[in-house]
Protein backbone atom coordinates (compact mmCIF):
# COMPACT_ATOMS: atom_id res chain seq x y z
CA MET A 1 121.87 24.29 98.64
CA ILE A 2 123.50 21.13 99.65
CA ILE A 3 125.60 21.15 102.86
CA LYS A 4 128.38 18.62 102.68
CA PRO A 5 129.02 16.52 105.82
CA ALA A 6 132.57 18.15 106.46
CA ALA A 7 132.05 18.78 110.15
CA ILE A 8 128.59 17.70 111.27
CA LEU A 9 128.06 18.44 114.98
CA ARG A 10 125.18 17.42 117.10
CA CYS A 11 123.47 19.79 119.44
CA ALA A 12 120.51 18.08 121.24
CA SER A 13 118.67 16.19 118.42
CA VAL A 14 119.52 18.61 115.80
CA GLN A 15 122.41 18.42 113.34
CA TYR A 16 124.41 21.41 111.98
CA ASN A 17 127.35 21.99 109.81
CA ALA A 18 130.12 23.96 111.69
CA THR A 19 131.94 24.87 108.51
CA PHE A 20 128.95 26.19 106.53
CA MET A 21 129.72 29.86 105.60
CA PRO A 22 126.73 31.71 104.03
CA THR A 23 127.25 33.63 101.00
CA ASN A 24 125.86 36.98 99.79
CA MET A 25 126.27 38.59 103.15
CA PRO A 26 125.72 42.33 103.69
CA LYS A 27 128.76 44.47 104.48
CA PRO A 28 130.34 44.06 107.89
CA SER A 29 128.41 45.40 110.89
CA SER A 30 129.73 46.95 114.16
CA ALA A 31 129.72 44.21 116.88
CA LYS A 32 128.96 46.80 119.70
CA GLY A 33 125.72 46.12 121.54
CA HIS A 34 122.43 45.49 119.98
CA ALA A 35 122.13 48.49 117.75
CA THR A 36 121.79 48.24 114.06
CA LYS A 37 122.00 50.85 111.23
CA SER A 38 118.19 51.21 111.33
CA PHE A 39 118.08 51.13 115.12
CA PRO A 40 120.69 53.06 116.83
CA ILE A 41 120.97 52.95 120.67
CA LYS A 42 123.05 55.36 122.86
CA LYS A 43 123.43 53.04 125.99
CA ASN A 44 123.72 49.42 126.23
CA PHE A 45 122.69 47.87 129.51
CA CYS A 46 122.82 44.15 128.28
CA PHE A 47 124.04 41.86 130.96
CA ALA A 48 126.43 39.99 128.64
CA CYS A 49 127.87 42.74 126.43
CA GLY A 50 126.61 46.08 127.76
CA HIS A 51 129.33 48.48 128.53
CA ASP A 52 126.86 50.75 130.41
CA ASN A 53 125.91 47.91 132.92
CA PRO A 54 128.31 48.15 135.82
CA GLN A 55 127.30 44.64 137.11
CA GLY A 56 127.33 43.15 133.48
CA MET A 57 130.09 40.85 131.90
CA ARG A 58 131.01 43.51 129.34
CA LEU A 59 131.94 41.10 126.63
CA LYS A 60 133.57 42.57 123.57
CA PHE A 61 132.78 40.94 120.26
CA THR A 62 134.62 41.38 117.03
CA GLN A 63 133.58 40.40 113.54
CA GLU A 64 135.96 38.00 111.87
CA GLY A 65 134.56 37.30 108.37
CA ASN A 66 131.07 35.87 108.83
CA ARG A 67 131.68 35.14 112.58
CA PHE A 68 131.62 36.97 115.79
CA VAL A 69 134.41 36.25 118.27
CA CYS A 70 135.15 37.27 121.81
CA ARG A 71 138.14 36.39 123.89
CA PHE A 72 137.56 36.56 127.65
CA ARG A 73 138.34 35.27 131.17
CA LEU A 74 135.77 34.49 133.73
CA GLY A 75 136.37 35.68 137.32
CA LYS A 76 135.33 34.31 140.65
CA ARG A 77 131.89 36.04 140.64
CA TYR A 78 130.72 33.52 137.84
CA THR A 79 131.50 30.55 139.97
CA GLY A 80 129.33 27.41 139.74
CA PRO A 81 131.09 24.26 140.89
CA PRO A 82 134.44 25.25 142.65
CA GLY A 83 136.92 26.51 140.02
CA TYR A 84 134.44 26.38 137.15
CA CYS A 85 131.80 28.58 135.65
CA HIS A 86 128.07 28.38 136.33
CA GLY A 87 126.05 26.68 133.59
CA GLY A 88 123.72 29.76 133.27
CA ILE A 89 126.62 32.03 132.66
CA ILE A 90 127.82 29.67 129.89
CA ALA A 91 124.36 29.66 128.41
CA THR A 92 124.43 33.49 128.54
CA ILE A 93 127.76 33.77 126.72
CA LEU A 94 126.67 31.39 123.97
CA ASP A 95 123.37 33.16 123.56
CA ASP A 96 124.99 36.50 123.19
CA ALA A 97 127.56 35.18 120.64
CA MET A 98 124.68 33.74 118.59
CA GLY A 99 122.71 36.85 118.88
CA LYS A 100 125.59 38.93 117.54
CA VAL A 101 125.54 36.87 114.36
CA ASN A 102 122.14 38.42 113.46
CA LYS A 103 124.04 41.67 112.91
CA LEU A 104 125.33 40.10 109.58
CA ARG A 105 121.91 40.62 108.18
CA HIS A 106 121.37 44.06 109.93
CA VAL A 107 118.36 42.78 111.97
CA VAL A 108 117.45 42.55 115.59
CA ALA A 109 116.38 39.01 116.35
CA LEU A 110 115.32 37.57 119.73
CA THR A 111 116.03 34.05 120.99
CA ARG A 112 113.11 31.75 120.51
CA GLU A 113 114.69 28.47 121.45
CA MET A 114 118.28 27.46 122.44
CA THR A 115 120.00 24.19 123.16
CA VAL A 116 123.29 24.01 125.10
CA GLU A 117 125.71 21.04 125.16
CA TYR A 118 128.03 21.26 128.16
CA LEU A 119 130.96 19.10 127.04
CA LYS A 120 133.63 19.78 129.70
CA PRO A 121 133.63 22.13 132.66
CA VAL A 122 134.54 25.81 131.77
CA PRO A 123 137.33 26.97 133.91
CA LEU A 124 137.59 30.31 135.73
CA HIS A 125 140.58 32.55 135.30
CA LYS A 126 141.69 30.89 131.96
CA SER A 127 141.78 32.35 128.51
CA LEU A 128 138.61 31.32 126.56
CA ARG A 129 137.04 32.23 123.30
CA VAL A 130 133.38 32.21 122.08
CA GLU A 131 132.57 32.13 118.47
CA GLY A 132 129.17 32.51 116.88
CA ARG A 133 128.09 31.85 113.23
CA GLU A 134 125.08 31.57 111.06
CA VAL A 135 123.68 28.32 109.83
CA GLN A 136 120.54 29.24 108.01
CA VAL A 137 118.15 32.04 107.41
CA ARG A 138 114.46 31.55 106.33
CA GLY A 139 112.33 34.65 106.43
CA ARG A 140 112.40 36.05 109.86
CA THR A 141 113.84 32.84 111.37
CA HIS A 142 117.73 32.74 111.88
CA VAL A 143 119.49 29.58 112.97
CA ASN A 144 122.88 30.27 114.65
CA VAL A 145 125.50 28.23 116.55
CA ALA A 146 128.22 29.16 119.09
CA GLU A 147 131.06 27.39 120.75
CA ILE A 148 133.27 28.14 123.86
CA VAL A 149 136.74 26.85 123.34
CA ASN A 150 139.89 26.89 125.64
CA ALA A 151 143.38 27.89 124.75
CA LYS A 152 144.06 24.43 123.38
CA GLY A 153 141.19 24.66 120.96
CA GLU A 154 139.05 22.14 122.87
CA VAL A 155 135.34 22.76 122.62
CA LEU A 156 133.91 23.11 126.19
CA ALA A 157 130.41 24.06 125.34
CA ARG A 158 128.35 24.51 122.23
CA SER A 159 124.84 25.77 121.40
CA MET A 160 122.32 26.12 118.59
CA GLY A 161 119.59 28.75 118.71
CA ILE A 162 116.58 29.82 116.71
CA PHE A 163 116.07 33.55 116.63
CA ILE A 164 113.07 35.56 115.26
CA ALA A 165 113.77 38.94 113.63
CA ILE A 166 111.54 41.66 115.05
CA ASP A 167 110.81 45.27 114.46
CA PRO A 168 112.91 46.93 117.23
CA GLU A 169 111.22 50.31 116.89
CA GLN A 170 107.88 48.76 117.64
CA MET A 171 109.13 46.61 120.40
CA PHE A 172 111.71 48.66 122.25
CA ALA A 173 111.23 52.36 121.30
CA LYS A 174 109.69 53.32 124.59
CA TYR A 175 112.66 51.66 126.58
CA VAL A 176 115.50 53.06 124.59
CA GLU A 177 117.32 56.35 124.96
CA ARG A 178 118.52 57.45 121.42
């Protein structure tokens, strides 16, 4: 497959095409939590998207075509520099958006490596959107990207991650209430 240079972006030293849309995708998946059809979970305590975590961010993602999107505002508790979000929280949001993309393939995949470009400060108390999408899948290796944008459509931060598909039953069964 040839990827045309329509919108090549740089993330660290790696290039990826932001408009590439994979074909032959499985049917849409629920964006809730980390469960898949083959690995259902009753409770989700994930810091980023877990609705059962009272101290978590409780991000709510929706699937829009082959992308996962979340609209959100960040409160004062996520402060880094005055008036802006902490970089670790930005990385968490991007990681969760990229992780949701693995649901397109109905797999649970863990972050192996992630790069983040902090392009502009991410403001608190403003409408923001994060969007994750797939770039490539080879065997158990999934490469995904994500961006945080403001209401004007300006990209504030972006990331690329390498995820490795795992057997959730083998890795998580003793920790999960089902």
